[in-house]
């Protein structure tokens, strides 16, 4: 009997790729994919408490924007501009 994760992958058309992996690997991959999608959806939705504050969209759900700002060397000026909004 195939696992639920393999059935979902088969339904989505990923069956040939995922059948080569053990069911536990596909289960973990699906779990983290669904978890990530739900976190991003929640953080971008009006249900999130920080939704009303302006700011970059990428900064709402990821630390990549903060890493980019830090790498530019202008972190203090960018944060000052955001604070003045």
PDB file of N, CA and C in Angstrom:
ATOM      1  N   UNK A   1       0.846  -1.171   0.000  1.00  0.00           N
ATOM      2  CA  UNK A   1       0.000   0.000   0.000  1.00  0.00           C
ATOM      3  C   UNK A   1       0.897   1.242   0.000  1.00  0.00           C
ATOM      4  N   UNK A   2       0.708   2.134  -0.959  1.00  0.00           N
ATOM      5  CA  UNK A   2       1.557   3.321  -1.015  1.00  0.00           C
ATOM      6  C   UNK A   2       1.209   4.309   0.105  1.00  0.00           C
ATOM      7  N   UNK A   3       2.211   5.059   0.498  1.00  0.00           N
ATOM      8  CA  UNK A   3       1.977   6.036   1.558  1.00  0.00           C
ATOM      9  C   UNK A   3       1.193   7.228   1.015  1.00  0.00           C
ATOM     10  N   UNK A   4       0.690   8.027   1.913  1.00  0.00           N
ATOM     11  CA  UNK A   4      -0.102   9.196   1.533  1.00  0.00           C
ATOM     12  C   UNK A   4       0.768  10.189   0.761  1.00  0.00           C
ATOM     13  N   UNK A   5       2.023  10.359   1.184  1.00  0.00           N
ATOM     14  CA  UNK A   5       2.895  11.311   0.497  1.00  0.00           C
ATOM     15  C   UNK A   5       3.145  10.889  -0.945  1.00  0.00           C
ATOM     16  N   UNK A   6       3.309   9.579  -1.182  1.00  0.00           N
ATOM     17  CA  UNK A   6       3.495   9.116  -2.557  1.00  0.00           C
ATOM     18  C   UNK A   6       2.220   9.305  -3.377  1.00  0.00           C
ATOM     19  N   UNK A   7       1.068   9.133  -2.749  1.00  0.00           N
ATOM     20  CA  UNK A   7      -0.187   9.338  -3.454  1.00  0.00           C
ATOM     21  C   UNK A   7      -0.355  10.807  -3.841  1.00  0.00           C
ATOM     22  N   UNK A   8       0.037  11.719  -2.950  1.00  0.00           N
ATOM     23  CA  UNK A   8      -0.045  13.149  -3.254  1.00  0.00           C
ATOM     24  C   UNK A   8       0.923  13.505  -4.376  1.00  0.00           C
ATOM     25  N   UNK A   9       2.143  12.973  -4.303  1.00  0.00           N
ATOM     26  CA  UNK A   9       3.124  13.229  -5.358  1.00  0.00           C
ATOM     27  C   UNK A   9       2.646  12.680  -6.692  1.00  0.00           C
ATOM     28  N   UNK A  10       2.028  11.513  -6.675  1.00  0.00           N
ATOM     29  CA  UNK A  10       1.493  10.923  -7.902  1.00  0.00           C
ATOM     30  C   UNK A  10       0.391  11.814  -8.468  1.00  0.00           C
ATOM     31  N   UNK A  11      -0.459  12.326  -7.614  1.00  0.00           N
ATOM     32  CA  UNK A  11      -1.538  13.212  -8.048  1.00  0.00           C
ATOM     33  C   UNK A  11      -0.987  14.498  -8.653  1.00  0.00           C
ATOM     34  N   UNK A  12       0.101  15.027  -8.079  1.00  0.00           N
ATOM     35  CA  UNK A  12       0.694  16.260  -8.578  1.00  0.00           C
ATOM     36  C   UNK A  12       1.602  16.035  -9.789  1.00  0.00           C
ATOM     37  N   UNK A  13       1.858  14.796 -10.128  1.00  0.00           N
ATOM     38  CA  UNK A  13       2.678  14.494 -11.293  1.00  0.00           C
ATOM     39  C   UNK A  13       4.155  14.324 -10.993  1.00  0.00           C
ATOM     40  N   UNK A  14       4.520  14.186  -9.723  1.00  0.00           N
ATOM     41  CA  UNK A  14       5.912  14.034  -9.335  1.00  0.00           C
ATOM     42  C   UNK A  14       6.285  12.579  -9.067  1.00  0.00           C
ATOM     43  N   UNK A  15       5.427  11.652  -9.386  1.00  0.00           N
ATOM     44  CA  UNK A  15       5.631  10.258  -9.002  1.00  0.00           C
ATOM     45  C   UNK A  15       6.939   9.655  -9.504  1.00  0.00           C
ATOM     46  N   UNK A  16       7.344   9.819 -10.758  1.00  0.00           N
ATOM     47  CA  UNK A  16       8.586   9.167 -11.194  1.00  0.00           C
ATOM     48  C   UNK A  16       9.814   9.612 -10.400  1.00  0.00           C
ATOM     49  N   UNK A  17       9.874  10.853 -10.013  1.00  0.00           N
ATOM     50  CA  UNK A  17      11.017  11.355  -9.255  1.00  0.00           C
ATOM     51  C   UNK A  17      10.959  10.849  -7.817  1.00  0.00           C
ATOM     52  N   UNK A  18       9.806  10.933  -7.199  1.00  0.00           N
ATOM     53  CA  UNK A  18       9.678  10.629  -5.770  1.00  0.00           C
ATOM     54  C   UNK A  18       9.641   9.140  -5.463  1.00  0.00           C
ATOM     55  N   UNK A  19       9.324   8.299  -6.429  1.00  0.00           N
ATOM     56  CA  UNK A  19       9.250   6.873  -6.149  1.00  0.00           C
ATOM     57  C   UNK A  19      10.622   6.269  -5.893  1.00  0.00           C
ATOM     58  N   UNK A  20      11.670   6.932  -6.338  1.00  0.00           N
ATOM     59  CA  UNK A  20      13.018   6.420  -6.111  1.00  0.00           C
ATOM     60  C   UNK A  20      13.481   6.664  -4.681  1.00  0.00           C
ATOM     61  N   UNK A  21      12.816   7.564  -3.958  1.00  0.00           N
ATOM     62  CA  UNK A  21      13.193   7.904  -2.585  1.00  0.00           C
ATOM     63  C   UNK A  21      12.369   7.091  -1.593  1.00  0.00           C
ATOM     64  N   UNK A  22      12.913   6.863  -0.416  1.00  0.00           N
ATOM     65  CA  UNK A  22      12.135   6.177   0.623  1.00  0.00           C
ATOM     66  C   UNK A  22      10.928   7.024   1.047  1.00  0.00           C
ATOM     67  N   UNK A  23       9.864   6.396   1.493  1.00  0.00           N
ATOM     68  CA  UNK A  23       8.666   7.139   1.899  1.00  0.00           C
ATOM     69  C   UNK A  23       8.928   8.154   3.020  1.00  0.00           C
ATOM     70  N   UNK A  24       9.879   7.892   3.895  1.00  0.00           N
ATOM     71  CA  UNK A  24      10.142   8.862   4.967  1.00  0.00           C
ATOM     72  C   UNK A  24      10.724  10.155   4.412  1.00  0.00           C
ATOM     73  N   UNK A  25      11.553  10.056   3.382  1.00  0.00           N
ATOM     74  CA  UNK A  25      12.135  11.253   2.774  1.00  0.00           C
ATOM     75  C   UNK A  25      11.045  12.084   2.110  1.00  0.00           C
ATOM     76  N   UNK A  26      10.149  11.431   1.391  1.00  0.00           N
ATOM     77  CA  UNK A  26       9.070  12.172   0.741  1.00  0.00           C
ATOM     78  C   UNK A  26       8.125  12.773   1.765  1.00  0.00           C
ATOM     79  N   UNK A  27       7.902  12.059   2.855  1.00  0.00           N
ATOM     80  CA  UNK A  27       7.030  12.597   3.897  1.00  0.00           C
ATOM     81  C   UNK A  27       7.626  13.854   4.524  1.00  0.00           C
ATOM     82  N   UNK A  28       8.923  13.804   4.827  1.00  0.00           N
ATOM     83  CA  UNK A  28       9.581  14.986   5.394  1.00  0.00           C
ATOM     84  C   UNK A  28       9.600  16.137   4.389  1.00  0.00           C
ATOM     85  N   UNK A  29       9.867  15.846   3.133  1.00  0.00           N
ATOM     86  CA  UNK A  29       9.902  16.890   2.114  1.00  0.00           C
ATOM     87  C   UNK A  29       8.537  17.555   1.964  1.00  0.00           C
ATOM     88  N   UNK A  30       7.485  16.748   1.921  1.00  0.00           N
ATOM     89  CA  UNK A  30       6.135  17.308   1.817  1.00  0.00           C
ATOM     90  C   UNK A  30       5.761  18.088   3.070  1.00  0.00           C
ATOM     91  N   UNK A  31       6.146  17.584   4.229  1.00  0.00           N
ATOM     92  CA  UNK A  31       5.842  18.278   5.475  1.00  0.00           C
ATOM     93  C   UNK A  31       6.455  19.671   5.479  1.00  0.00           C
ATOM     94  N   UNK A  32       7.752  19.765   5.149  1.00  0.00           N
ATOM     95  CA  UNK A  32       8.416  21.062   5.183  1.00  0.00           C
ATOM     96  C   UNK A  32       7.951  21.985   4.057  1.00  0.00           C
ATOM     97  N   UNK A  33       7.578  21.426   2.916  1.00  0.00           N
ATOM     98  CA  UNK A  33       7.042  22.252   1.838  1.00  0.00           C
ATOM     99  C   UNK A  33       5.690  22.850   2.237  1.00  0.00           C
ATOM    100  N   UNK A  34       4.832  22.042   2.819  1.00  0.00           N
ATOM    101  CA  UNK A  34       3.519  22.530   3.247  1.00  0.00           C
ATOM    102  C   UNK A  34       3.663  23.494   4.419  1.00  0.00           C
ATOM    103  N   UNK A  35       4.561  23.202   5.346  1.00  0.00           N
ATOM    104  CA  UNK A  35       4.802  24.101   6.471  1.00  0.00           C
ATOM    105  C   UNK A  35       5.299  25.463   5.989  1.00  0.00           C
ATOM    106  N   UNK A  36       6.260  25.465   5.077  1.00  0.00           N
ATOM    107  CA  UNK A  36       6.791  26.723   4.545  1.00  0.00           C
ATOM    108  C   UNK A  36       5.714  27.514   3.813  1.00  0.00           C
ATOM    109  N   UNK A  37       4.921  26.837   3.006  1.00  0.00           N
ATOM    110  CA  UNK A  37       3.849  27.515   2.275  1.00  0.00           C
ATOM    111  C   UNK A  37       2.816  28.112   3.226  1.00  0.00           C
ATOM    112  N   UNK A  38       2.485  27.403   4.290  1.00  0.00           N
ATOM    113  CA  UNK A  38       1.489  27.940   5.230  1.00  0.00           C
ATOM    114  C   UNK A  38       2.052  29.124   6.018  1.00  0.00           C
ATOM    115  N   UNK A  39       3.334  29.096   6.376  1.00  0.00           N
ATOM    116  CA  UNK A  39       3.939  30.219   7.098  1.00  0.00           C
ATOM    117  C   UNK A  39       3.967  31.457   6.217  1.00  0.00           C
ATOM    118  N   UNK A  40       4.377  31.302   4.962  1.00  0.00           N
ATOM    119  CA  UNK A  40       4.419  32.439   4.038  1.00  0.00           C
ATOM    120  C   UNK A  40       3.015  32.990   3.806  1.00  0.00           C
ATOM    121  N   UNK A  41       2.050  32.111   3.618  1.00  0.00           N
ATOM    122  CA  UNK A  41       0.670  32.544   3.412  1.00  0.00           C
ATOM    123  C   UNK A  41       0.153  33.316   4.621  1.00  0.00           C
ATOM    124  N   UNK A  42       0.413  32.834   5.819  1.00  0.00           N
ATOM    125  CA  UNK A  42      -0.050  33.513   7.030  1.00  0.00           C
ATOM    126  C   UNK A  42       0.617  34.875   7.190  1.00  0.00           C
ATOM    127  N   UNK A  43       1.917  34.939   6.963  1.00  0.00           N
ATOM    128  CA  UNK A  43       2.631  36.197   7.176  1.00  0.00           C
ATOM    129  C   UNK A  43       2.266  37.253   6.150  1.00  0.00           C
ATOM    130  N   UNK A  44       1.765  36.863   4.993  1.00  0.00           N
ATOM    131  CA  UNK A  44       1.341  37.825   3.983  1.00  0.00           C
ATOM    132  C   UNK A  44      -0.154  38.141   4.069  1.00  0.00           C
ATOM    133  N   UNK A  45      -0.885  37.420   4.890  1.00  0.00           N
ATOM    134  CA  UNK A  45      -2.333  37.606   4.972  1.00  0.00           C
ATOM    135  C   UNK A  45      -2.700  38.715   5.955  1.00  0.00           C
ATOM    136  N   UNK A  46      -3.899  39.265   5.818  1.00  0.00           N
ATOM    137  CA  UNK A  46      -4.366  40.290   6.762  1.00  0.00           C
ATOM    138  C   UNK A  46      -4.579  39.768   8.179  1.00  0.00           C
ATOM    139  N   UNK A  47      -4.515  38.470   8.398  1.00  0.00           N
ATOM    140  CA  UNK A  47      -4.689  37.911   9.733  1.00  0.00           C
ATOM    141  C   UNK A  47      -3.452  38.114  10.613  1.00  0.00           C
ATOM    142  N   UNK A  48      -2.318  38.392   9.989  1.00  0.00           N
ATOM    143  CA  UNK A  48      -1.074  38.563  10.743  1.00  0.00           C
ATOM    144  C   UNK A  48      -1.080  39.928  11.440  1.00  0.00           C
ATOM    145  N   UNK A  49      -0.664  40.018  12.711  1.00  0.00           N
ATOM    146  CA  UNK A  49      -0.709  41.290  13.451  1.00  0.00           C
ATOM    147  C   UNK A  49       0.173  42.389  12.849  1.00  0.00           C
ATOM    148  N   UNK A  50       1.230  42.025  12.148  1.00  0.00           N
ATOM    149  CA  UNK A  50       2.135  43.023  11.579  1.00  0.00           C
ATOM    150  C   UNK A  50       1.736  43.448  10.168  1.00  0.00           C
ATOM    151  N   UNK A  51       0.591  42.996   9.689  1.00  0.00           N
ATOM    152  CA  UNK A  51       0.148  43.268   8.324  1.00  0.00           C
ATOM    153  C   UNK A  51      -0.045  44.761   8.076  1.00  0.00           C
ATOM    154  N   UNK A  52      -0.481  45.499   9.083  1.00  0.00           N
ATOM    155  CA  UNK A  52      -0.813  46.906   8.888  1.00  0.00           C
ATOM    156  C   UNK A  52       0.411  47.809   8.773  1.00  0.00           C
ATOM    157  N   UNK A  53       1.581  47.307   9.110  1.00  0.00           N
ATOM    158  CA  UNK A  53       2.783  48.135   9.053  1.00  0.00           C
ATOM    159  C   UNK A  53       3.432  48.029   7.678  1.00  0.00           C
ATOM    160  N   UNK A  54       3.842  49.167   7.105  1.00  0.00           N
ATOM    161  CA  UNK A  54       4.460  49.121   5.780  1.00  0.00           C
ATOM    162  C   UNK A  54       5.866  48.537   5.852  1.00  0.00           C
ATOM    163  N   UNK A  55       6.312  48.042   4.733  1.00  0.00           N
ATOM    164  CA  UNK A  55       7.663  47.487   4.664  1.00  0.00           C
ATOM    165  C   UNK A  55       7.811  46.596   3.450  1.00  0.00           C
ATOM    166  N   UNK A  56       9.026  46.188   3.169  1.00  0.00           N
ATOM    167  CA  UNK A  56       9.264  45.319   2.017  1.00  0.00           C
ATOM    168  C   UNK A  56       8.570  43.962   2.172  1.00  0.00           C
ATOM    169  N   UNK A  57       7.998  43.470   1.097  1.00  0.00           N
ATOM    170  CA  UNK A  57       7.279  42.190   1.143  1.00  0.00           C
ATOM    171  C   UNK A  57       8.210  41.036   1.515  1.00  0.00           C
ATOM    172  N   UNK A  58       9.416  41.043   0.958  1.00  0.00           N
ATOM    173  CA  UNK A  58      10.347  39.956   1.252  1.00  0.00           C
ATOM    174  C   UNK A  58      10.712  39.923   2.730  1.00  0.00           C
ATOM    175  N   UNK A  59      10.732  41.074   3.377  1.00  0.00           N
ATOM    176  CA  UNK A  59      11.075  41.129   4.797  1.00  0.00           C
ATOM    177  C   UNK A  59       9.951  40.591   5.674  1.00  0.00           C
ATOM    178  N   UNK A  60       8.763  40.479   5.139  1.00  0.00           N
ATOM    179  CA  UNK A  60       7.637  39.981   5.938  1.00  0.00           C
ATOM    180  C   UNK A  60       7.724  38.493   6.225  1.00  0.00           C
ATOM    181  N   UNK A  61       8.350  37.743   5.338  1.00  0.00           N
ATOM    182  CA  UNK A  61       8.357  36.293   5.548  1.00  0.00           C
ATOM    183  C   UNK A  61       9.732  35.644   5.464  1.00  0.00           C
ATOM    184  N   UNK A  62      10.774  36.435   5.291  1.00  0.00           N
ATOM    185  CA  UNK A  62      12.087  35.821   5.131  1.00  0.00           C
ATOM    186  C   UNK A  62      13.173  36.709   5.732  1.00  0.00           C
ATOM    187  N   UNK A  63      14.266  36.095   6.111  1.00  0.00           N
ATOM    188  CA  UNK A  63      15.429  36.834   6.605  1.00  0.00           C
ATOM    189  C   UNK A  63      16.375  37.208   5.464  1.00  0.00           C
ATOM    190  N   UNK A  64      16.044  36.811   4.242  1.00  0.00           N
ATOM    191  CA  UNK A  64      16.913  37.115   3.104  1.00  0.00           C
ATOM    192  C   UNK A  64      17.050  38.614   2.877  1.00  0.00           C
ATOM    193  N   UNK A  65      15.956  39.348   3.066  1.00  0.00           N
ATOM    194  CA  UNK A  65      16.015  40.793   2.883  1.00  0.00           C
ATOM    195  C   UNK A  65      16.967  41.423   3.896  1.00  0.00           C
ATOM    196  N   UNK A  66      16.906  41.004   5.145  1.00  0.00           N
ATOM    197  CA  UNK A  66      17.789  41.544   6.178  1.00  0.00           C
ATOM    198  C   UNK A  66      19.247  41.189   5.885  1.00  0.00           C
ATOM    199  N   UNK A  67      19.477  39.999   5.344  1.00  0.00           N
ATOM    200  CA  UNK A  67      20.841  39.622   4.974  1.00  0.00           C
ATOM    201  C   UNK A  67      21.351  40.499   3.837  1.00  0.00           C
ATOM    202  N   UNK A  68      20.493  40.783   2.869  1.00  0.00           N
ATOM    203  CA  UNK A  68      20.881  41.642   1.749  1.00  0.00           C
ATOM    204  C   UNK A  68      21.197  43.049   2.244  1.00  0.00           C
ATOM    205  N   UNK A  69      20.350  43.586   3.127  1.00  0.00           N
ATOM    206  CA  UNK A  69      20.569  44.928   3.671  1.00  0.00           C
ATOM    207  C   UNK A  69      21.890  44.977   4.428  1.00  0.00           C
ATOM    208  N   UNK A  70      22.165  43.979   5.223  1.00  0.00           N
ATOM    209  CA  UNK A  70      23.410  43.945   5.989  1.00  0.00           C
ATOM    210  C   UNK A  70      24.625  43.854   5.066  1.00  0.00           C
ATOM    211  N   UNK A  71      24.477  43.155   3.948  1.00  0.00           N
ATOM    212  CA  UNK A  71      25.612  42.995   3.037  1.00  0.00           C
ATOM    213  C   UNK A  71      25.904  44.265   2.243  1.00  0.00           C
ATOM    214  N   UNK A  72      24.934  45.187   2.134  1.00  0.00           N
ATOM    215  CA  UNK A  72      25.171  46.412   1.375  1.00  0.00           C
ATOM    216  C   UNK A  72      26.018  47.405   2.149  1.00  0.00           C
ATOM    217  N   UNK A  73      26.025  47.293   3.468  1.00  0.00           N
ATOM    218  CA  UNK A  73      26.788  48.236   4.279  1.00  0.00           C
ATOM    219  C   UNK A  73      26.023  49.515   4.577  1.00  0.00           C
ATOM    220  N   UNK A  74      24.777  49.592   4.152  1.00  0.00           N
ATOM    221  CA  UNK A  74      23.950  50.783   4.395  1.00  0.00           C
ATOM    222  C   UNK A  74      22.765  50.448   5.291  1.00  0.00           C
ATOM    223  N   UNK A  75      22.943  49.524   6.187  1.00  0.00           N
ATOM    224  CA  UNK A  75      21.848  49.030   7.019  1.00  0.00           C
ATOM    225  C   UNK A  75      21.209  50.158   7.825  1.00  0.00           C
ATOM    226  N   UNK A  76      22.019  51.006   8.417  1.00  0.00           N
ATOM    227  CA  UNK A  76      21.465  52.073   9.252  1.00  0.00           C
ATOM    228  C   UNK A  76      20.657  53.067   8.430  1.00  0.00           C
ATOM    229  N   UNK A  77      21.070  53.382   7.202  1.00  0.00           N
ATOM    230  CA  UNK A  77      20.309  54.343   6.392  1.00  0.00           C
ATOM    231  C   UNK A  77      19.018  53.726   5.880  1.00  0.00           C
ATOM    232  N   UNK A  78      19.043  52.463   5.510  1.00  0.00           N
ATOM    233  CA  UNK A  78      17.829  51.805   5.028  1.00  0.00           C
ATOM    234  C   UNK A  78      16.815  51.688   6.154  1.00  0.00           C
ATOM    235  N   UNK A  79      17.269  51.324   7.350  1.00  0.00           N
ATOM    236  CA  UNK A  79      16.336  51.236   8.484  1.00  0.00           C
ATOM    237  C   UNK A  79      15.786  52.606   8.849  1.00  0.00           C
ATOM    238  N   UNK A  80      16.599  53.648   8.728  1.00  0.00           N
ATOM    239  CA  UNK A  80      16.137  55.005   9.011  1.00  0.00           C
ATOM    240  C   UNK A  80      15.054  55.414   8.004  1.00  0.00           C
ATOM    241  N   UNK A  81      15.263  55.095   6.738  1.00  0.00           N
ATOM    242  CA  UNK A  81      14.256  55.408   5.708  1.00  0.00           C
ATOM    243  C   UNK A  81      12.960  54.645   5.975  1.00  0.00           C
ATOM    244  N   UNK A  82      13.048  53.388   6.359  1.00  0.00           N
ATOM    245  CA  UNK A  82      11.855  52.612   6.670  1.00  0.00           C
ATOM    246  C   UNK A  82      11.132  53.169   7.897  1.00  0.00           C
ATOM    247  N   UNK A  83      11.885  53.633   8.864  1.00  0.00           N
ATOM    248  CA  UNK A  83      11.289  54.181  10.093  1.00  0.00           C
ATOM    249  C   UNK A  83      10.532  55.481   9.795  1.00  0.00           C
ATOM    250  N   UNK A  84      11.032  56.260   8.840  1.00  0.00           N
ATOM    251  CA  UNK A  84      10.376  57.534   8.514  1.00  0.00           C
ATOM    252  C   UNK A  84       9.084  57.346   7.743  1.00  0.00           C
ATOM    253  N   UNK A  85       8.856  56.180   7.168  1.00  0.00           N
ATOM    254  CA  UNK A  85       7.601  55.938   6.428  1.00  0.00           C
ATOM    255  C   UNK A  85       6.464  56.031   7.343  1.00  0.00           C
TER     256      UNK A  85
END
